[in-house]
C-alpha atoms as a PDB file:
ATOM      1  CA  MET A   1      32.248 -14.172 -91.402  1.00  0.00           C
ATOM      2  CA  GLU A   2      33.658 -17.371 -89.777  1.00  0.00           C
ATOM      3  CA  ASP A   3      37.533 -17.843 -89.212  1.00  0.00           C
ATOM      4  CA  GLU A   4      39.456 -20.043 -91.989  1.00  0.00           C
ATOM      5  CA  PRO A   5      42.002 -22.418 -90.795  1.00  0.00           C
ATOM      6  CA  VAL A   6      45.605 -20.941 -91.881  1.00  0.00           C
ATOM      7  CA  GLU A   7      47.585 -23.853 -93.369  1.00  0.00           C
ATOM      8  CA  ILE A   8      51.149 -23.382 -91.222  1.00  0.00           C
ATOM      9  CA  PRO A   9      54.018 -25.052 -93.438  1.00  0.00           C
ATOM     10  CA  ILE A  10      56.036 -27.670 -91.491  1.00  0.00           C
ATOM     11  CA  GLU A  11      59.647 -26.474 -91.004  1.00  0.00           C
ATOM     12  CA  ASP A  12      61.457 -27.386 -88.443  1.00  0.00           C
ATOM     13  CA  ALA A  13      60.527 -25.137 -86.229  1.00  0.00           C
ATOM     14  CA  LEU A  14      57.258 -23.457 -85.106  1.00  0.00           C
ATOM     15  CA  ASP A  15      56.773 -19.830 -83.442  1.00  0.00           C
ATOM     16  CA  LEU A  16      54.552 -19.638 -81.054  1.00  0.00           C
ATOM     17  CA  HIS A  17      54.667 -16.172 -80.454  1.00  0.00           C
ATOM     18  CA  THR A  18      51.954 -15.382 -83.653  1.00  0.00           C
ATOM     19  CA  PHE A  19      49.319 -17.338 -81.923  1.00  0.00           C
ATOM     20  CA  GLN A  20      46.790 -16.734 -79.278  1.00  0.00           C
ATOM     21  CA  PRO A  21      47.637 -18.153 -75.763  1.00  0.00           C
ATOM     22  CA  ALA A  22      44.211 -20.184 -76.681  1.00  0.00           C
ATOM     23  CA  GLU A  23      45.315 -21.408 -79.567  1.00  0.00           C
ATOM     24  CA  VAL A  24      49.058 -22.761 -78.717  1.00  0.00           C
ATOM     25  CA  ARG A  25      48.046 -26.780 -77.254  1.00  0.00           C
ATOM     26  CA  SER A  26      45.771 -27.381 -80.777  1.00  0.00           C
ATOM     27  CA  VAL A  27      48.714 -25.847 -83.061  1.00  0.00           C
ATOM     28  CA  VAL A  28      51.644 -27.382 -80.316  1.00  0.00           C
ATOM     29  CA  LEU A  29      49.853 -31.161 -81.187  1.00  0.00           C
ATOM     30  CA  GLU A  30      48.768 -30.495 -84.770  1.00  0.00           C
ATOM     31  CA  TYR A  31      52.390 -29.562 -85.837  1.00  0.00           C
ATOM     32  CA  LEU A  32      53.960 -32.307 -84.240  1.00  0.00           C
ATOM     33  CA  THR A  33      51.585 -34.970 -85.929  1.00  0.00           C
ATOM     34  CA  GLN A  34      52.394 -33.262 -89.224  1.00  0.00           C
ATOM     35  CA  ALA A  35      56.116 -33.087 -88.439  1.00  0.00           C
ATOM     36  CA  ARG A  36      55.959 -36.932 -87.691  1.00  0.00           C
ATOM     37  CA  ALA A  37      54.223 -38.217 -90.962  1.00  0.00           C
ATOM     38  CA  ARG A  38      56.170 -35.760 -93.272  1.00  0.00           C
ATOM     39  CA  GLY A  39      59.108 -37.649 -91.273  1.00  0.00           C
ATOM     40  CA  SER A  40      60.329 -35.373 -89.271  1.00  0.00           C
ATOM     41  CA  SER A  41      62.534 -36.612 -85.821  1.00  0.00           C
ATOM     42  CA  GLN A  42      62.251 -33.444 -84.707  1.00  0.00           C
ATOM     43  CA  GLY A  43      61.343 -30.217 -83.867  1.00  0.00           C
ATOM     44  CA  ARG A  44      62.018 -26.728 -82.750  1.00  0.00           C
ATOM     45  CA  LEU A  45      58.881 -25.182 -80.180  1.00  0.00           C
ATOM     46  CA  ILE A  46      59.985 -21.130 -80.150  1.00  0.00           C
ATOM     47  CA  HIS A  47      57.750 -20.105 -77.180  1.00  0.00           C
ATOM     48  CA  GLY A  48      59.881 -17.351 -75.607  1.00  0.00           C
ATOM     49  CA  ARG A  49      62.182 -16.921 -72.368  1.00  0.00           C
ATOM     50  CA  GLY A  50      59.682 -14.809 -70.207  1.00  0.00           C
ATOM     51  CA  ILE A  51      58.236 -16.468 -67.062  1.00  0.00           C
ATOM     52  CA  GLY A  52      58.044 -19.297 -68.517  1.00  0.00           C
ATOM     53  CA  MET A  53      53.970 -19.778 -68.791  1.00  0.00           C
ATOM     54  CA  GLN A  54      54.282 -20.919 -72.403  1.00  0.00           C
ATOM     55  CA  ARG A  55      56.943 -22.946 -71.555  1.00  0.00           C
ATOM     56  CA  ALA A  56      55.279 -24.894 -68.814  1.00  0.00           C
ATOM     57  CA  ASN A  57      52.048 -25.193 -71.119  1.00  0.00           C
ATOM     58  CA  VAL A  58      53.875 -26.562 -73.985  1.00  0.00           C
ATOM     59  CA  GLN A  59      56.270 -29.113 -72.180  1.00  0.00           C
ATOM     60  CA  GLY A  60      52.802 -30.036 -69.750  1.00  0.00           C
ATOM     61  CA  LEU A  61      51.604 -31.001 -74.015  1.00  0.00           C
ATOM     62  CA  LEU A  62      54.549 -32.796 -74.429  1.00  0.00           C
ATOM     63  CA  ARG A  63      54.314 -34.656 -71.533  1.00  0.00           C
ATOM     64  CA  GLY A  64      50.955 -36.358 -72.507  1.00  0.00           C
ATOM     65  CA  ILE A  65      51.773 -37.066 -76.185  1.00  0.00           C
ATOM     66  CA  ASP A  66      52.108 -40.742 -76.996  1.00  0.00           C
ATOM     67  CA  PHE A  67      54.820 -40.055 -80.238  1.00  0.00           C
ATOM     68  CA  VAL A  68      57.105 -37.562 -77.966  1.00  0.00           C
ATOM     69  CA  GLU A  69      60.299 -39.098 -77.507  1.00  0.00           C
ATOM     70  CA  ASP A  70      61.912 -36.567 -75.747  1.00  0.00           C
ATOM     71  CA  PHE A  71      62.245 -32.745 -75.003  1.00  0.00           C
ATOM     72  CA  TRP A  72      64.710 -30.607 -73.382  1.00  0.00           C
ATOM     73  CA  ASP A  73      64.968 -27.007 -73.159  1.00  0.00           C
ATOM     74  CA  ASP A  74      67.001 -24.818 -75.410  1.00  0.00           C
ATOM     75  CA  ALA A  75      66.929 -21.920 -72.784  1.00  0.00           C
ATOM     76  CA  HIS A  76      69.317 -19.291 -74.999  1.00  0.00           C
ATOM     77  CA  LEU A  77      66.982 -19.606 -77.484  1.00  0.00           C
ATOM     78  CA  GLY A  78      63.524 -19.750 -75.563  1.00  0.00           C
ATOM     79  CA  ALA A  79      62.793 -22.771 -77.192  1.00  0.00           C
ATOM     80  CA  THR A  80      62.306 -26.758 -76.669  1.00  0.00           C
ATOM     81  CA  VAL A  81      63.545 -29.499 -78.442  1.00  0.00           C
ATOM     82  CA  VAL A  82      61.434 -32.126 -79.589  1.00  0.00           C
ATOM     83  CA  LEU A  83      62.264 -35.737 -80.628  1.00  0.00           C
ATOM     84  CA  LEU A  84      59.532 -37.664 -82.256  1.00  0.00           C
ATOM     85  CA  ARG A  85      59.557 -41.522 -82.611  1.00  0.00           C
ATOM     86  CA  ALA A  86      59.349 -42.762 -86.031  1.00  0.00           C
ATOM     87  CA  ALA A  87      55.504 -42.954 -87.848  1.00  0.00           C
ATOM     88  CA  ARG A  88      54.835 -46.588 -88.366  1.00  0.00           C
END
């Protein structure tokens, strides 16, 4: 049986704990793309506090996305806040 795609609601935050590490980059990119298309200007990616592996993975991806205007740590929540450029 093939895995069916899972539709995730686009909200102001995405908790990455429910995804396998190998899925995180593609999930984050799709989430941000859809959030931007729906007019969102900001999102919060919850990766956890831990030793920082998932944080580094997420923030490395964000550096390469052209419509990410800025991002920063929300360390007490184990999250990264992302500002998105408006879609044209």
